[in-house]
Amino acid sequence: MARVEEGMPYGWGRLYAAFHVLEGLARGRTELGLPARLKETVGRPRTTFESLLGKAGIQVLAAREKGGDRARAVETVFADVAKLIRPEPMIRRGLSQAEAEEFRQGYEHQLGLYRAEWEALVV
């Protein structure tokens, strides 16, 4: 049996966390918790990620313009986005309850990694 960490929903949760942190770095926010949009993302992963990818470039520019640690952090986060997009089709259907829980676990795992690396930027 495969581990939860190897599954697509877990990976999508990690990807969503990277986008969430990217948005926070661009806006200058530091407090990031479980986003209100998580339910929407779980309902339509591919549609949500297509939308997030459309905003990513502007967010990278905004975060880089802020300079300092924020500019350095966004380099890593943006690279993570590319790494976390799995080289396989992404579903358009909603996730089951079990898949949604795996998604949440992946999200929290990735957010924890960013918090550990950039305490002052991702609270």
Protein backbone atom coordinates (compact mmCIF):
# COMPACT_ATOMS: atom_id res chain seq x y z
CA MET A 1 0.00 0.00 0.00
CA ALA A 2 1.33 3.43 -0.95
CA ARG A 3 2.01 6.01 1.71
CA VAL A 4 -0.22 9.10 1.90
CA GLU A 5 2.84 11.22 1.14
CA GLU A 6 3.17 9.55 -2.25
CA GLY A 7 -0.39 10.25 -3.36
CA MET A 8 -1.62 12.93 -5.74
CA PRO A 9 -3.90 14.72 -3.23
CA TYR A 10 -1.04 15.06 -0.74
CA GLY A 11 1.18 16.50 -3.47
CA TRP A 12 -1.55 18.92 -4.53
CA GLY A 13 -1.84 20.10 -0.94
CA ARG A 14 1.88 20.81 -0.92
CA LEU A 15 1.54 22.68 -4.20
CA TYR A 16 -1.35 24.72 -2.84
CA ALA A 17 0.76 25.68 0.17
CA ALA A 18 3.50 26.93 -2.14
CA PHE A 19 0.99 29.11 -3.99
CA HIS A 20 -0.44 30.36 -0.68
CA VAL A 21 3.01 31.36 0.57
CA LEU A 22 3.82 32.95 -2.79
CA GLU A 23 0.72 35.12 -2.46
CA GLY A 24 1.63 36.03 1.12
CA LEU A 25 5.16 37.02 0.14
CA ALA A 26 3.83 39.20 -2.67
CA ARG A 27 1.30 40.95 -0.42
CA GLY A 28 3.68 41.35 2.50
CA ARG A 29 1.61 39.14 4.81
CA THR A 30 3.29 36.91 7.34
CA GLU A 31 0.41 35.10 9.03
CA LEU A 32 -0.68 32.13 6.97
CA GLY A 33 -3.14 29.58 8.24
CA LEU A 34 -5.53 27.26 6.50
CA PRO A 35 -7.00 29.40 3.71
CA ALA A 36 -10.72 29.87 3.22
CA ARG A 37 -10.26 28.83 -0.42
CA LEU A 38 -9.08 25.37 0.56
CA LYS A 39 -12.59 23.95 0.19
CA GLU A 40 -12.85 25.41 -3.32
CA THR A 41 -9.48 23.92 -4.28
CA VAL A 42 -10.41 20.49 -3.00
CA GLY A 43 -13.57 20.69 -5.12
CA ARG A 44 -11.77 21.46 -8.38
CA PRO A 45 -7.98 21.08 -8.14
CA ARG A 46 -7.08 21.58 -11.82
CA THR A 47 -9.28 24.65 -12.26
CA THR A 48 -7.89 26.24 -9.10
CA PHE A 49 -4.27 25.58 -10.02
CA GLU A 50 -4.76 26.97 -13.53
CA SER A 51 -6.01 30.19 -11.95
CA LEU A 52 -3.15 30.32 -9.43
CA LEU A 53 -0.56 29.80 -12.16
CA GLY A 54 -2.00 32.79 -14.02
CA LYS A 55 -1.27 35.04 -11.02
CA ALA A 56 2.12 33.61 -10.05
CA GLY A 57 4.34 35.75 -12.27
CA ILE A 58 2.97 39.03 -10.96
CA GLN A 59 3.29 37.75 -7.40
CA VAL A 60 6.93 36.79 -7.94
CA LEU A 61 7.64 40.26 -9.31
CA ALA A 62 5.91 41.93 -6.35
CA ALA A 63 7.79 39.83 -3.79
CA ARG A 64 11.15 40.33 -5.53
CA GLU A 65 10.61 44.09 -5.54
CA LYS A 66 10.27 44.03 -1.75
CA GLY A 67 13.89 42.84 -1.55
CA GLY A 68 15.69 41.22 1.36
CA ASP A 69 14.63 37.90 2.82
CA ARG A 70 11.24 38.13 1.11
CA ALA A 71 12.92 38.28 -2.32
CA ARG A 72 15.14 35.32 -1.46
CA ALA A 73 12.24 33.28 -0.10
CA VAL A 74 10.15 33.76 -3.22
CA GLU A 75 12.98 32.29 -5.32
CA THR A 76 12.65 29.02 -3.43
CA VAL A 77 8.85 29.02 -3.35
CA PHE A 78 8.53 29.70 -7.07
CA ALA A 79 11.00 26.90 -7.84
CA ASP A 80 8.97 24.63 -5.55
CA VAL A 81 5.83 25.35 -7.56
CA ALA A 82 7.52 23.91 -10.65
CA LYS A 83 8.84 20.90 -8.73
CA LEU A 84 5.51 20.18 -7.03
CA ILE A 85 3.49 20.05 -10.25
CA ARG A 86 3.46 16.36 -10.93
CA PRO A 87 4.28 15.18 -14.46
CA GLU A 88 0.86 13.58 -14.92
CA PRO A 89 -2.68 14.75 -15.59
CA MET A 90 -4.45 16.58 -12.77
CA ILE A 91 -8.07 15.66 -12.13
CA ARG A 92 -10.92 18.09 -12.65
CA ARG A 93 -13.38 16.27 -10.38
CA GLY A 94 -13.71 16.99 -6.71
CA LEU A 95 -11.79 15.03 -4.13
CA SER A 96 -13.33 12.42 -1.88
CA GLN A 97 -13.34 13.05 1.86
CA ALA A 98 -10.24 10.84 2.28
CA GLU A 99 -8.45 12.60 -0.58
CA ALA A 100 -9.37 15.99 0.90
CA GLU A 101 -7.77 14.94 4.20
CA GLU A 102 -4.60 13.89 2.36
CA PHE A 103 -4.63 17.26 0.58
CA ARG A 104 -4.86 19.06 3.94
CA GLN A 105 -1.99 16.99 5.33
CA GLY A 106 0.20 17.86 2.34
CA TYR A 107 -0.71 21.52 2.69
CA GLU A 108 0.22 21.57 6.37
CA HIS A 109 3.46 19.67 5.72
CA GLN A 110 4.67 22.14 3.10
CA LEU A 111 3.59 25.16 5.13
CA GLY A 112 5.55 23.73 8.07
CA LEU A 113 8.67 23.50 5.91
CA TYR A 114 8.34 27.15 4.93
CA ARG A 115 7.72 28.21 8.52
CA ALA A 116 10.85 26.38 9.65
CA GLU A 117 12.95 28.02 6.95
CA TRP A 118 11.56 31.56 7.20
CA GLU A 119 10.19 32.06 10.72
CA ALA A 120 9.80 35.81 10.32
CA LEU A 121 8.09 35.63 6.94
CA VAL A 122 5.69 32.69 7.33
CA VAL A 123 3.99 32.54 10.71
